[in-house]
Structures are given as C-alpha cells and as structure tokens.
C-alpha cells in the first residue's frame, strides 16, 4: 500500500493483460477480471 494512494484501501490484480482493483472485502472497484478470478467476489 502507498501512503498517497486513493481510497478505499485496495489491491491490484494483474494477469496476462487483464487488470482489476479489489477492495479488501473482495468487491471489484474497477476493471474486468478473468472469469476464474471473479469468484473471489
């Protein structure tokens, strides 16, 4: 995590050209994850 990063706290998931931002409770904030990443919701 970075001090000056935007809220809410989140992590980036990147794989093979796909990217999504997730909150720590598993909600997708931005992006389109791969179908097999989506079950993290």
N, C-alpha and C. Protein backbone atom coordinates (compact mmCIF):
# COMPACT_ATOMS: atom_id res chain seq x y z
N UNK A 1 0.85 -1.18 0.00
CA UNK A 1 0.00 0.00 0.00
C UNK A 1 0.89 1.23 0.00
N UNK A 2 0.39 2.28 -0.60
CA UNK A 2 1.13 3.53 -0.69
C UNK A 2 0.40 4.61 0.10
N UNK A 3 1.15 5.43 0.79
CA UNK A 3 0.57 6.47 1.64
C UNK A 3 -0.33 7.43 0.86
N UNK A 4 0.09 7.84 -0.32
CA UNK A 4 -0.67 8.83 -1.09
C UNK A 4 -1.63 8.21 -2.11
N UNK A 5 -1.89 6.93 -2.01
CA UNK A 5 -2.79 6.27 -2.95
C UNK A 5 -4.24 6.66 -2.64
N UNK A 6 -5.12 6.49 -3.61
CA UNK A 6 -6.52 6.89 -3.44
C UNK A 6 -7.27 5.89 -2.57
N UNK A 7 -8.37 6.34 -1.97
CA UNK A 7 -9.24 5.48 -1.16
C UNK A 7 -10.25 4.81 -2.06
N UNK A 8 -10.89 3.75 -1.67
CA UNK A 8 -10.69 2.98 -0.44
C UNK A 8 -9.43 2.12 -0.54
N UNK A 9 -8.96 1.59 0.58
CA UNK A 9 -7.81 0.68 0.53
C UNK A 9 -8.12 -0.48 -0.43
N UNK A 10 -7.15 -0.87 -1.25
CA UNK A 10 -7.40 -1.85 -2.29
C UNK A 10 -6.11 -2.53 -2.71
N UNK A 11 -6.26 -3.56 -3.55
CA UNK A 11 -5.09 -4.17 -4.18
C UNK A 11 -5.38 -4.34 -5.67
N UNK A 12 -4.32 -4.40 -6.45
CA UNK A 12 -4.41 -4.56 -7.89
C UNK A 12 -4.13 -6.02 -8.23
N UNK A 13 -4.96 -6.61 -9.07
CA UNK A 13 -4.72 -7.97 -9.57
C UNK A 13 -4.45 -7.85 -11.06
N UNK A 14 -3.28 -8.31 -11.51
CA UNK A 14 -2.90 -8.25 -12.92
C UNK A 14 -2.51 -9.64 -13.38
N UNK A 15 -2.98 -10.00 -14.58
CA UNK A 15 -2.60 -11.29 -15.15
C UNK A 15 -2.84 -11.27 -16.64
N UNK A 16 -1.83 -11.55 -17.41
CA UNK A 16 -1.94 -11.75 -18.85
C UNK A 16 -2.73 -10.64 -19.55
N UNK A 17 -2.42 -9.39 -19.22
CA UNK A 17 -3.08 -8.28 -19.88
C UNK A 17 -4.37 -7.82 -19.25
N UNK A 18 -4.87 -8.51 -18.25
CA UNK A 18 -6.08 -8.12 -17.54
C UNK A 18 -5.69 -7.47 -16.22
N UNK A 19 -6.51 -6.52 -15.78
CA UNK A 19 -6.24 -5.86 -14.51
C UNK A 19 -7.56 -5.50 -13.84
N UNK A 20 -7.61 -5.64 -12.53
CA UNK A 20 -8.77 -5.22 -11.76
C UNK A 20 -8.30 -4.72 -10.40
N UNK A 21 -9.08 -3.82 -9.82
CA UNK A 21 -8.82 -3.33 -8.47
C UNK A 21 -9.89 -3.91 -7.56
N UNK A 22 -9.45 -4.47 -6.43
CA UNK A 22 -10.36 -5.07 -5.47
C UNK A 22 -10.22 -4.39 -4.12
N UNK A 23 -11.34 -4.21 -3.42
CA UNK A 23 -11.27 -3.76 -2.04
C UNK A 23 -10.88 -4.98 -1.20
N UNK A 24 -10.49 -4.75 0.04
CA UNK A 24 -10.06 -5.87 0.88
C UNK A 24 -11.20 -6.81 1.24
N UNK A 25 -12.44 -6.37 1.07
CA UNK A 25 -13.56 -7.28 1.33
C UNK A 25 -13.98 -8.05 0.07
N UNK A 26 -13.20 -7.91 -1.03
CA UNK A 26 -13.42 -8.71 -2.23
C UNK A 26 -14.28 -8.08 -3.30
N UNK A 27 -14.76 -6.87 -3.12
CA UNK A 27 -15.58 -6.20 -4.12
C UNK A 27 -14.69 -5.65 -5.24
N UNK A 28 -15.17 -5.74 -6.48
CA UNK A 28 -14.43 -5.18 -7.61
C UNK A 28 -14.68 -3.68 -7.63
N UNK A 29 -13.62 -2.90 -7.55
CA UNK A 29 -13.72 -1.45 -7.59
C UNK A 29 -13.66 -0.97 -9.04
N UNK A 30 -12.78 -1.58 -9.81
CA UNK A 30 -12.56 -1.14 -11.19
C UNK A 30 -11.96 -2.29 -11.98
N UNK A 31 -12.31 -2.38 -13.27
CA UNK A 31 -11.69 -3.36 -14.14
C UNK A 31 -12.57 -4.56 -14.40
N UNK A 32 -12.03 -5.44 -15.21
CA UNK A 32 -12.71 -6.66 -15.62
C UNK A 32 -11.79 -7.85 -15.36
N UNK A 33 -11.94 -8.54 -14.25
CA UNK A 33 -11.07 -9.68 -14.00
C UNK A 33 -11.43 -10.86 -14.90
N UNK A 34 -10.50 -11.78 -15.03
CA UNK A 34 -10.78 -13.00 -15.77
C UNK A 34 -11.89 -13.78 -15.08
N UNK A 35 -12.57 -14.63 -15.81
CA UNK A 35 -13.69 -15.40 -15.25
C UNK A 35 -13.30 -16.22 -14.04
N UNK A 36 -12.08 -16.75 -14.02
CA UNK A 36 -11.69 -17.57 -12.88
C UNK A 36 -11.17 -16.75 -11.72
N UNK A 37 -11.01 -15.44 -11.89
CA UNK A 37 -10.68 -14.56 -10.76
C UNK A 37 -11.96 -14.06 -10.11
N UNK A 38 -13.02 -13.88 -10.89
CA UNK A 38 -14.27 -13.32 -10.41
C UNK A 38 -14.86 -14.03 -9.19
N UNK A 39 -14.72 -15.36 -9.02
CA UNK A 39 -15.30 -15.99 -7.84
C UNK A 39 -14.77 -15.46 -6.51
N UNK A 40 -13.71 -14.66 -6.51
CA UNK A 40 -13.25 -14.04 -5.27
C UNK A 40 -14.29 -13.12 -4.69
N UNK A 41 -15.23 -12.68 -5.51
CA UNK A 41 -16.29 -11.81 -5.03
C UNK A 41 -16.99 -12.53 -3.94
